[in-house]
Amino acid sequence: MKGCRPMLKIEIRRVAQTFTGRNQLRNRALFILGATCGFRIQELLSLRVKDVVFEGQVVDRVTVQKKNTKGAIESRNTPLLNVAREAVLDWITSGLWQRGYVSPETFLFRSEYGVNQPISPRQAYRVLVRNYEQNHIAGKLGTHTMRKTYAKFLYEDFQNRRAQGESVDPLPLVSKGLGHKSLNSTMSYLSFITEDIDISAANYERRVFGGL
């Protein structure tokens, strides 16, 4: 969803803790995985159980196959963080397996309708927006919010590491993390930079021209 904003830390935690209903574990896993991997919604929905579980254990890294990525140019691989591993495991063991879906080919975010098909991007949007609204989180939000949030925190972490003396270049690293082919695409994800510039400009005015 073009123009979606990233979420604040407090908003992320609130959303992650407040999914309800029959599919709350599935929806929570979708949100946490999306916010910690930065995959596009189509990439998330393409995942199958075999992509996240190997020999009965949740994997340390998750890969989206090339055919399921934008442009189908190359696969995407990213760490599966502990919070995401736990959310995915909860959904698989207490959701999918309890419902009899034990095949490695089962879509991770399986729909309750049809024969082994994932929920649609539209359904994912409805699920997430319902949660945002219930938590009174304002602004333009959707499925792409997860990816924008991942980009924001990745960029800020690289900035902090560079400030501490590490030789890192935030923009190309975030671009690689998002699977972008163009830095211009990455810049469009970092709209909060403009907000930071506006704040700094206001601070400059106050410090230099205050009292004139």
Protein backbone atom coordinates (compact mmCIF):
# COMPACT_ATOMS: atom_id res chain seq x y z
CA MET A 1 0.00 0.00 0.00
CA LYS A 2 1.74 3.11 -1.28
CA GLY A 3 2.33 5.80 1.32
CA CYS A 4 2.01 3.57 4.39
CA ARG A 5 3.89 4.85 7.39
CA PRO A 6 6.16 2.79 9.67
CA MET A 7 5.03 2.02 13.20
CA LEU A 8 6.46 3.18 16.49
CA LYS A 9 7.88 0.70 18.99
CA ILE A 10 4.91 1.08 21.34
CA GLU A 11 2.49 0.51 18.44
CA ILE A 12 4.29 -2.65 17.33
CA ARG A 13 4.10 -4.13 20.81
CA ARG A 14 0.44 -3.20 21.18
CA VAL A 15 -0.54 -4.82 17.89
CA ALA A 16 1.50 -7.97 18.53
CA GLN A 17 -0.22 -8.49 21.88
CA THR A 18 -3.83 -7.88 20.87
CA PHE A 19 -4.85 -10.27 18.10
CA THR A 20 -8.01 -12.16 19.00
CA GLY A 21 -10.34 -14.77 17.58
CA ARG A 22 -9.99 -18.23 16.09
CA ASN A 23 -6.99 -17.25 13.94
CA GLN A 24 -5.22 -15.01 16.40
CA LEU A 25 -2.04 -17.14 16.40
CA ARG A 26 -1.91 -17.11 12.60
CA ASN A 27 -2.46 -13.37 12.41
CA ARG A 28 0.06 -12.66 15.16
CA ALA A 29 2.67 -14.80 13.40
CA LEU A 30 1.99 -12.98 10.13
CA PHE A 31 2.46 -9.57 11.73
CA ILE A 32 5.58 -10.45 13.72
CA LEU A 33 7.21 -12.24 10.80
CA GLY A 34 6.42 -9.36 8.48
CA ALA A 35 7.76 -6.75 10.89
CA THR A 36 11.01 -8.64 11.56
CA CYS A 37 11.82 -9.95 8.05
CA GLY A 38 10.69 -7.11 5.83
CA PHE A 39 9.13 -9.40 3.25
CA ARG A 40 6.45 -8.11 0.90
CA ILE A 41 2.97 -9.42 1.67
CA GLN A 42 3.01 -11.68 -1.41
CA GLU A 43 6.34 -13.12 -0.24
CA LEU A 44 5.01 -13.78 3.24
CA LEU A 45 1.92 -15.51 1.92
CA SER A 46 4.01 -17.71 -0.39
CA LEU A 47 5.75 -19.40 2.56
CA ARG A 48 4.98 -23.02 3.31
CA VAL A 49 5.62 -25.03 6.46
CA LYS A 50 8.72 -26.57 4.85
CA ASP A 51 10.22 -23.07 4.51
CA VAL A 52 10.23 -22.51 8.27
CA VAL A 53 10.48 -26.02 9.74
CA PHE A 54 13.24 -28.57 9.10
CA GLU A 55 13.42 -31.92 10.86
CA GLY A 56 10.87 -30.76 13.42
CA GLN A 57 12.71 -27.55 14.31
CA VAL A 58 11.99 -23.96 13.31
CA VAL A 59 14.85 -22.80 11.08
CA ASP A 60 17.24 -19.95 11.90
CA ARG A 61 16.87 -18.34 8.48
CA VAL A 62 13.88 -18.19 6.16
CA THR A 63 14.08 -18.05 2.37
CA VAL A 64 11.50 -16.82 -0.12
CA GLN A 65 12.01 -18.68 -3.38
CA LYS A 66 12.94 -16.62 -6.44
CA LYS A 67 9.66 -17.39 -8.22
CA ASN A 68 7.75 -15.77 -5.35
CA THR A 69 9.76 -12.53 -5.18
CA LYS A 70 8.99 -9.32 -7.03
CA GLY A 71 10.36 -9.65 -10.53
CA ALA A 72 11.41 -13.25 -9.81
CA ILE A 73 15.05 -12.20 -10.12
CA GLU A 74 16.54 -13.83 -7.05
CA SER A 75 15.49 -15.48 -3.80
CA ARG A 76 15.48 -13.58 -0.50
CA ASN A 77 16.97 -14.93 2.69
CA THR A 78 16.85 -13.35 6.13
CA PRO A 79 17.34 -14.38 9.78
CA LEU A 80 14.27 -15.66 11.58
CA LEU A 81 14.50 -13.77 14.85
CA ASN A 82 13.58 -15.45 18.13
CA VAL A 83 10.30 -13.58 18.55
CA ALA A 84 9.28 -14.62 15.03
CA ARG A 85 10.41 -18.21 15.57
CA GLU A 86 8.27 -18.43 18.70
CA ALA A 87 5.23 -16.90 17.01
CA VAL A 88 5.57 -19.22 14.01
CA LEU A 89 6.02 -22.27 16.23
CA ASP A 90 2.95 -21.37 18.30
CA TRP A 91 0.86 -21.07 15.15
CA ILE A 92 2.11 -24.31 13.61
CA THR A 93 1.77 -26.47 16.72
CA SER A 94 -1.39 -24.97 18.21
CA GLY A 95 -3.03 -24.01 14.93
CA LEU A 96 -2.09 -25.89 11.78
CA TRP A 97 -1.20 -29.21 13.37
CA GLN A 98 -4.20 -29.13 15.69
CA ARG A 99 -6.38 -28.74 12.61
CA GLY A 100 -4.71 -31.67 10.87
CA TYR A 101 -2.53 -29.70 8.46
CA VAL A 102 0.79 -31.48 8.96
CA SER A 103 2.20 -31.57 5.43
CA PRO A 104 5.43 -29.66 4.71
CA GLU A 105 3.63 -28.32 1.62
CA THR A 106 0.92 -26.67 3.70
CA PHE A 107 0.93 -22.91 3.27
CA LEU A 108 2.12 -21.30 6.49
CA PHE A 109 -0.68 -18.75 6.45
CA ARG A 110 -3.28 -21.18 5.19
CA SER A 111 -6.81 -20.06 4.48
CA GLU A 112 -9.67 -21.94 6.06
CA TYR A 113 -11.27 -22.06 2.62
CA GLY A 114 -10.23 -24.03 -0.42
CA VAL A 115 -7.65 -26.79 -0.70
CA ASN A 116 -4.31 -25.67 0.72
CA GLN A 117 -4.21 -22.07 -0.34
CA PRO A 118 -2.93 -19.06 1.60
CA ILE A 119 -5.10 -16.22 2.77
CA SER A 120 -5.30 -13.47 0.17
CA PRO A 121 -3.45 -10.14 0.44
CA ARG A 122 -6.87 -8.52 0.82
CA GLN A 123 -7.71 -10.75 3.78
CA ALA A 124 -4.31 -10.02 5.35
CA TYR A 125 -5.02 -6.31 4.92
CA ARG A 126 -8.42 -6.61 6.61
CA VAL A 127 -6.97 -8.57 9.54
CA LEU A 128 -4.20 -6.07 10.16
CA VAL A 129 -6.26 -2.92 9.69
CA ARG A 130 -8.90 -4.25 12.07
CA ASN A 131 -6.22 -4.60 14.74
CA TYR A 132 -4.77 -1.16 14.02
CA GLU A 133 -8.20 0.40 14.35
CA GLN A 134 -9.03 -1.49 17.56
CA ASN A 135 -5.81 -0.12 19.04
CA HIS A 136 -6.64 3.42 17.84
CA ILE A 137 -3.45 3.60 15.79
CA ALA A 138 -3.90 6.45 13.34
CA GLY A 139 -2.35 7.16 9.97
CA LYS A 140 -2.11 5.39 6.64
CA LEU A 141 -1.50 1.75 7.56
CA GLY A 142 -1.80 -1.56 5.75
CA THR A 143 0.15 -4.71 4.97
CA HIS A 144 3.11 -2.66 3.70
CA THR A 145 3.35 -1.08 7.14
CA MET A 146 5.26 -4.16 8.33
CA ARG A 147 7.89 -3.74 5.62
CA LYS A 148 8.17 0.01 6.17
CA THR A 149 8.63 -0.61 9.91
CA TYR A 150 11.40 -3.12 9.26
CA ALA A 151 13.15 -0.61 6.99
CA LYS A 152 12.90 2.17 9.57
CA PHE A 153 14.40 0.22 12.44
CA LEU A 154 17.07 -1.33 10.23
CA TYR A 155 18.13 2.12 9.04
CA GLU A 156 18.17 3.58 12.54
CA ASP A 157 20.27 0.68 13.83
CA PHE A 158 22.81 1.10 11.03
CA GLN A 159 22.92 4.83 11.82
CA ASN A 160 23.60 4.12 15.49
CA ARG A 161 26.32 1.62 14.64
CA ARG A 162 28.01 4.13 12.35
CA ALA A 163 27.84 6.77 15.09
CA GLN A 164 29.64 4.31 17.36
CA GLY A 165 32.50 3.97 14.90
CA GLU A 166 31.54 0.97 12.78
CA SER A 167 32.24 1.21 9.07
CA VAL A 168 28.68 0.78 7.79
CA ASP A 169 26.77 2.62 5.07
CA PRO A 170 23.10 2.55 6.11
CA LEU A 171 21.33 3.22 2.82
CA PRO A 172 22.81 0.44 0.62
CA LEU A 173 22.63 -2.02 3.50
CA VAL A 174 18.93 -1.31 4.06
CA SER A 175 18.43 -1.55 0.30
CA LYS A 176 19.99 -5.00 0.28
CA GLY A 177 17.93 -6.03 3.32
CA LEU A 178 14.74 -5.06 1.49
CA GLY A 179 15.75 -6.78 -1.73
CA HIS A 180 15.67 -3.52 -3.69
CA LYS A 181 17.54 -3.06 -6.96
CA SER A 182 17.50 0.73 -6.72
CA LEU A 183 18.49 3.07 -3.91
CA ASN A 184 15.67 5.36 -5.05
CA SER A 185 13.19 2.63 -4.09
CA THR A 186 14.80 2.41 -0.66
CA MET A 187 14.66 6.17 -0.17
CA SER A 188 10.91 6.09 -0.73
CA TYR A 189 10.66 3.69 2.21
CA LEU A 190 12.55 6.04 4.48
CA SER A 191 10.04 8.86 4.47
CA PHE A 192 10.65 9.41 8.17
CA ILE A 193 14.02 10.92 7.23
CA THR A 194 12.14 13.95 5.87
CA GLU A 195 10.34 14.27 9.20
CA ASP A 196 13.69 14.15 11.03
CA ILE A 197 15.04 16.89 8.75
CA ASP A 198 11.98 19.04 9.48
CA ILE A 199 12.50 18.58 13.23
CA SER A 200 16.19 19.49 12.97
CA ALA A 201 15.33 22.57 10.90
CA ALA A 202 12.86 23.68 13.57
CA ASN A 203 15.51 23.11 16.27
CA TYR A 204 17.98 25.15 14.23
CA GLU A 205 15.50 28.01 14.01
CA ARG A 206 14.88 27.94 17.75
CA ARG A 207 18.55 27.83 18.70
CA VAL A 208 19.81 30.41 16.20
CA PHE A 209 16.92 32.77 15.61
CA GLY A 210 15.02 32.40 18.87
CA GLY A 211 14.10 35.76 20.37
CA LEU A 212 14.54 37.80 17.18
